[in-house]
C-alpha atoms as a PDB file:
ATOM      1  CA  MET A   1     108.302  98.336 127.035  1.00  0.00           C
ATOM      2  CA  SER A   2     110.986  95.753 126.725  1.00  0.00           C
ATOM      3  CA  SER A   3     110.697  92.031 126.523  1.00  0.00           C
ATOM      4  CA  ARG A   4     113.394  89.495 127.259  1.00  0.00           C
ATOM      5  CA  THR A   5     113.701  85.840 128.025  1.00  0.00           C
ATOM      6  CA  SER A   6     114.993  84.774 131.418  1.00  0.00           C
ATOM      7  CA  PRO A   7     117.628  82.070 131.839  1.00  0.00           C
ATOM      8  CA  ILE A   8     114.852  79.492 132.200  1.00  0.00           C
ATOM      9  CA  SER A   9     113.174  80.557 128.943  1.00  0.00           C
ATOM     10  CA  ARG A  10     110.158  82.380 130.358  1.00  0.00           C
ATOM     11  CA  PRO A  11     109.486  85.703 128.665  1.00  0.00           C
ATOM     12  CA  ILE A  12     109.746  88.663 131.003  1.00  0.00           C
ATOM     13  CA  ARG A  13     108.203  92.009 130.176  1.00  0.00           C
ATOM     14  CA  ILE A  14     109.082  95.256 131.916  1.00  0.00           C
ATOM     15  CA  ARG A  15     106.362  97.874 132.014  1.00  0.00           C
ATOM     16  CA  ARG A  16     105.690 101.108 133.843  1.00  0.00           C
ATOM     17  CA  ALA A  17     103.926 100.561 137.151  1.00  0.00           C
ATOM     18  CA  VAL A  18     100.417 101.944 137.546  1.00  0.00           C
ATOM     19  CA  ALA A  19      98.410 102.848 140.651  1.00  0.00           C
ATOM     20  CA  ARG A  20      96.652  99.474 140.752  1.00  0.00           C
ATOM     21  CA  ASP A  21     100.082  97.799 141.222  1.00  0.00           C
ATOM     22  CA  ALA A  22     100.593  99.519 144.598  1.00  0.00           C
ATOM     23  CA  ARG A  23      99.217  96.716 146.775  1.00  0.00           C
ATOM     24  CA  ARG A  24     101.166  94.016 144.926  1.00  0.00           C
ATOM     25  CA  LEU A  25     104.404  96.010 145.216  1.00  0.00           C
ATOM     26  CA  THR A  26     103.791  96.623 148.914  1.00  0.00           C
ATOM     27  CA  ARG A  27     103.222  92.888 149.459  1.00  0.00           C
ATOM     28  CA  LEU A  28     106.409  92.078 147.564  1.00  0.00           C
ATOM     29  CA  VAL A  29     108.437  94.446 149.784  1.00  0.00           C
ATOM     30  CA  ARG A  30     106.895  93.301 153.069  1.00  0.00           C
ATOM     31  CA  GLY A  31     107.128  89.621 152.149  1.00  0.00           C
ATOM     32  CA  SER A  32     110.730  89.699 150.966  1.00  0.00           C
ATOM     33  CA  GLY A  33     112.824  86.901 152.461  1.00  0.00           C
ATOM     34  CA  ALA A  34     115.816  89.266 152.325  1.00  0.00           C
ATOM     35  CA  TYR A  35     114.162  91.193 155.152  1.00  0.00           C
ATOM     36  CA  ALA A  36     113.529  88.248 157.456  1.00  0.00           C
ATOM     37  CA  GLY A  37     114.824  88.035 160.992  1.00  0.00           C
ATOM     38  CA  GLN A  38     116.769  91.065 162.206  1.00  0.00           C
ATOM     39  CA  TYR A  39     115.824  93.048 159.078  1.00  0.00           C
ATOM     40  CA  ALA A  40     112.038  92.523 159.313  1.00  0.00           C
ATOM     41  CA  ALA A  41     111.370  95.808 161.117  1.00  0.00           C
ATOM     42  CA  ALA A  42     112.787  97.784 158.175  1.00  0.00           C
ATOM     43  CA  VAL A  43     109.866  96.817 155.914  1.00  0.00           C
ATOM     44  CA  ALA A  44     107.120  95.907 158.403  1.00  0.00           C
ATOM     45  CA  GLY A  45     105.079  99.058 157.813  1.00  0.00           C
ATOM     46  CA  TYR A  46     106.488  99.946 154.406  1.00  0.00           C
ATOM     47  CA  ARG A  47     103.978 101.013 151.769  1.00  0.00           C
ATOM     48  CA  VAL A  48     104.399 101.604 148.047  1.00  0.00           C
ATOM     49  CA  GLY A  49     101.415 103.834 147.395  1.00  0.00           C
ATOM     50  CA  PRO A  50      99.822 105.104 144.184  1.00  0.00           C
ATOM     51  CA  ASP A  51     101.262 108.548 144.978  1.00  0.00           C
ATOM     52  CA  TYR A  52     104.785 107.095 145.093  1.00  0.00           C
ATOM     53  CA  ILE A  53     104.237 105.298 141.777  1.00  0.00           C
ATOM     54  CA  GLU A  54     103.034 108.522 140.179  1.00  0.00           C
ATOM     55  CA  ALA A  55     105.912 110.622 141.557  1.00  0.00           C
ATOM     56  CA  HIS A  56     108.772 108.328 140.493  1.00  0.00           C
ATOM     57  CA  ARG A  57     109.793 106.085 137.630  1.00  0.00           C
ATOM     58  CA  VAL A  58     108.584 102.745 138.913  1.00  0.00           C
ATOM     59  CA  PHE A  59     108.805  99.743 136.602  1.00  0.00           C
ATOM     60  CA  VAL A  60     107.656  96.166 137.121  1.00  0.00           C
ATOM     61  CA  ALA A  61     108.913  92.916 135.640  1.00  0.00           C
ATOM     62  CA  VAL A  62     106.036  90.600 134.823  1.00  0.00           C
ATOM     63  CA  ASP A  63     105.787  87.076 133.502  1.00  0.00           C
ATOM     64  CA  ALA A  64     104.535  87.755 129.973  1.00  0.00           C
ATOM     65  CA  ASP A  65     102.965  84.265 129.704  1.00  0.00           C
ATOM     66  CA  GLU A  66     100.605  84.738 132.634  1.00  0.00           C
ATOM     67  CA  PRO A  67      97.248  86.369 131.928  1.00  0.00           C
ATOM     68  CA  ASP A  68      97.333  88.508 135.087  1.00  0.00           C
ATOM     69  CA  GLY A  69     100.933  89.570 134.436  1.00  0.00           C
ATOM     70  CA  ARG A  70     102.198  88.385 137.840  1.00  0.00           C
ATOM     71  CA  VAL A  71     104.737  90.853 139.239  1.00  0.00           C
ATOM     72  CA  LEU A  72     108.133  89.167 139.541  1.00  0.00           C
ATOM     73  CA  GLY A  73     110.049  92.247 140.634  1.00  0.00           C
ATOM     74  CA  PHE A  74     110.220  96.005 140.403  1.00  0.00           C
ATOM     75  CA  TYR A  75     112.438  99.023 140.799  1.00  0.00           C
ATOM     76  CA  SER A  76     112.030 102.716 141.454  1.00  0.00           C
ATOM     77  CA  LEU A  77     114.279 105.372 139.964  1.00  0.00           C
ATOM     78  CA  VAL A  78     114.187 108.771 141.647  1.00  0.00           C
ATOM     79  CA  LEU A  79     115.511 111.467 139.303  1.00  0.00           C
ATOM     80  CA  SER A  80     116.398 114.227 141.757  1.00  0.00           C
ATOM     81  CA  PRO A  81     118.709 113.480 143.340  1.00  0.00           C
ATOM     82  CA  PRO A  82     119.400 110.412 141.150  1.00  0.00           C
ATOM     83  CA  GLU A  83     118.846 107.279 143.198  1.00  0.00           C
ATOM     84  CA  LEU A  84     117.729 103.707 142.753  1.00  0.00           C
ATOM     85  CA  ASP A  85     115.329 103.881 145.684  1.00  0.00           C
ATOM     86  CA  LEU A  86     113.809 100.392 145.554  1.00  0.00           C
ATOM     87  CA  LEU A  87     114.701  97.136 143.809  1.00  0.00           C
ATOM     88  CA  PHE A  88     112.944  93.923 144.764  1.00  0.00           C
ATOM     89  CA  VAL A  89     112.582  90.528 143.108  1.00  0.00           C
ATOM     90  CA  ALA A  90     109.967  88.099 144.415  1.00  0.00           C
ATOM     91  CA  ASP A  91     111.556  85.299 146.421  1.00  0.00           C
ATOM     92  CA  GLU A  92     110.194  82.607 144.095  1.00  0.00           C
ATOM     93  CA  ALA A  93     111.536  84.456 141.018  1.00  0.00           C
ATOM     94  CA  GLN A  94     115.113  84.926 142.206  1.00  0.00           C
ATOM     95  CA  ARG A  95     118.065  83.392 140.356  1.00  0.00           C
ATOM     96  CA  ARG A  96     116.322  83.902 136.997  1.00  0.00           C
ATOM     97  CA  GLY A  97     118.203  87.049 135.966  1.00  0.00           C
ATOM     98  CA  ILE A  98     115.277  89.361 136.749  1.00  0.00           C
ATOM     99  CA  GLY A  99     117.299  91.606 139.064  1.00  0.00           C
ATOM    100  CA  ARG A 100     119.994  91.974 136.418  1.00  0.00           C
ATOM    101  CA  LEU A 101     117.324  92.743 133.800  1.00  0.00           C
ATOM    102  CA  LEU A 102     115.766  95.395 136.058  1.00  0.00           C
ATOM    103  CA  VAL A 103     119.160  97.039 136.639  1.00  0.00           C
ATOM    104  CA  ALA A 104     119.843  97.135 132.882  1.00  0.00           C
ATOM    105  CA  HIS A 105     116.425  98.711 132.342  1.00  0.00           C
ATOM    106  CA  MET A 106     117.068 101.244 135.124  1.00  0.00           C
ATOM    107  CA  ARG A 107     120.375 102.245 133.533  1.00  0.00           C
ATOM    108  CA  SER A 108     118.616 102.751 130.212  1.00  0.00           C
ATOM    109  CA  GLU A 109     115.950 104.915 131.868  1.00  0.00           C
ATOM    110  CA  ALA A 110     118.636 106.916 133.690  1.00  0.00           C
ATOM    111  CA  ARG A 111     120.506 107.477 130.425  1.00  0.00           C
ATOM    112  CA  ALA A 112     117.303 108.602 128.688  1.00  0.00           C
ATOM    113  CA  ALA A 113     116.708 111.062 131.551  1.00  0.00           C
ATOM    114  CA  GLY A 114     120.186 112.528 131.044  1.00  0.00           C
ATOM    115  CA  LEU A 115     121.676 111.148 134.261  1.00  0.00           C
ATOM    116  CA  ASP A 116     125.356 110.187 134.395  1.00  0.00           C
ATOM    117  CA  ARG A 117     125.227 108.335 137.726  1.00  0.00           C
ATOM    118  CA  VAL A 118     122.675 106.802 140.057  1.00  0.00           C
ATOM    119  CA  LYS A 119     123.226 106.219 143.777  1.00  0.00           C
ATOM    120  CA  VAL A 120     121.904 103.208 145.642  1.00  0.00           C
ATOM    121  CA  VAL A 121     121.951 102.638 149.393  1.00  0.00           C
ATOM    122  CA  SER A 122     121.973  98.860 149.580  1.00  0.00           C
ATOM    123  CA  HIS A 123     120.329  96.452 151.932  1.00  0.00           C
ATOM    124  CA  VAL A 124     123.278  94.697 153.594  1.00  0.00           C
ATOM    125  CA  PRO A 125     122.560  91.211 152.098  1.00  0.00           C
ATOM    126  CA  ALA A 126     122.145  92.750 148.598  1.00  0.00           C
ATOM    127  CA  ALA A 127     125.617  94.326 148.462  1.00  0.00           C
ATOM    128  CA  ASP A 128     127.166  91.448 146.496  1.00  0.00           C
ATOM    129  CA  PHE A 129     124.361  91.640 143.935  1.00  0.00           C
ATOM    130  CA  TYR A 130     124.970  95.337 143.294  1.00  0.00           C
ATOM    131  CA  HIS A 131     128.676  94.720 142.916  1.00  0.00           C
ATOM    132  CA  ARG A 132     128.021  91.889 140.413  1.00  0.00           C
ATOM    133  CA  VAL A 133     125.751  94.105 138.271  1.00  0.00           C
ATOM    134  CA  GLY A 134     128.339  96.844 137.947  1.00  0.00           C
ATOM    135  CA  ALA A 135     127.773  99.248 140.829  1.00  0.00           C
ATOM    136  CA  VAL A 136     130.855 100.750 142.442  1.00  0.00           C
ATOM    137  CA  ARG A 137     131.060 100.983 146.235  1.00  0.00           C
ATOM    138  CA  THR A 138     131.300 104.645 147.288  1.00  0.00           C
ATOM    139  CA  GLY A 139     130.915 104.476 151.059  1.00  0.00           C
ATOM    140  CA  THR A 140     128.745 103.548 154.001  1.00  0.00           C
ATOM    141  CA  VAL A 141     125.557 105.170 155.254  1.00  0.00           C
ATOM    142  CA  PRO A 142     125.669 105.117 159.061  1.00  0.00           C
ATOM    143  CA  ALA A 143     122.925 103.518 161.108  1.00  0.00           C
ATOM    144  CA  ASN A 144     119.974 105.723 162.025  1.00  0.00           C
ATOM    145  CA  PRO A 145     118.205 103.977 164.938  1.00  0.00           C
ATOM    146  CA  PRO A 146     115.485 103.067 165.506  1.00  0.00           C
ATOM    147  CA  ALA A 147     114.367 103.193 161.848  1.00  0.00           C
ATOM    148  CA  MET A 148     117.619 101.755 160.482  1.00  0.00           C
ATOM    149  CA  PRO A 149     119.766 100.212 163.234  1.00  0.00           C
ATOM    150  CA  TRP A 150     122.637  99.079 160.990  1.00  0.00           C
ATOM    151  CA  ASP A 151     125.139 100.665 158.625  1.00  0.00           C
ATOM    152  CA  ARG A 152     124.379 100.183 154.931  1.00  0.00           C
ATOM    153  CA  PRO A 153     126.734 100.073 151.943  1.00  0.00           C
ATOM    154  CA  GLU A 154     126.389 102.853 149.400  1.00  0.00           C
ATOM    155  CA  PHE A 155     127.008 102.234 145.707  1.00  0.00           C
ATOM    156  CA  GLU A 156     126.879 104.180 142.485  1.00  0.00           C
ATOM    157  CA  PHE A 157     125.969 103.110 138.985  1.00  0.00           C
ATOM    158  CA  ARG A 158     127.820 105.094 136.383  1.00  0.00           C
ATOM    159  CA  VAL A 159     125.672 105.661 133.332  1.00  0.00           C
ATOM    160  CA  ALA A 160     127.510 106.009 130.042  1.00  0.00           C
ATOM    161  CA  PRO A 161     126.023 108.391 127.469  1.00  0.00           C
ATOM    162  CA  GLU A 162     124.460 106.857 124.366  1.00  0.00           C
END
């Protein structure tokens, strides 16, 4: 587990997700303001289930000062093929450096797993974020209607060996 302080001096702890986090993670995905309007259909029925949490490296950022460890964000690293499958920060917790902290943690996990690169297919409005945190644009994933009616940018994180 790692512990850091956000830009507004609240300690953030990153821990491995457990099955009982599934409902909170699902709510975070479905309630994300980044998926409002035209993007709402992409997450309307999305579910992060206990089976998903068990199958992948899912980590949550929690406010270490709160007794219930409120989930501020999370990510999911799939090892084969290497991909950052999910990365969400709660709307009310954005602009605190939590996304950047989660990406740094993901890179550390990828390095520990022996990966040298991790792909991410970005949500269109998140493309600038991925660029700012060091991902390199590698292409575009074409739309796949009706599930995904728009093209999405594809990025890659290069993971340096220790």
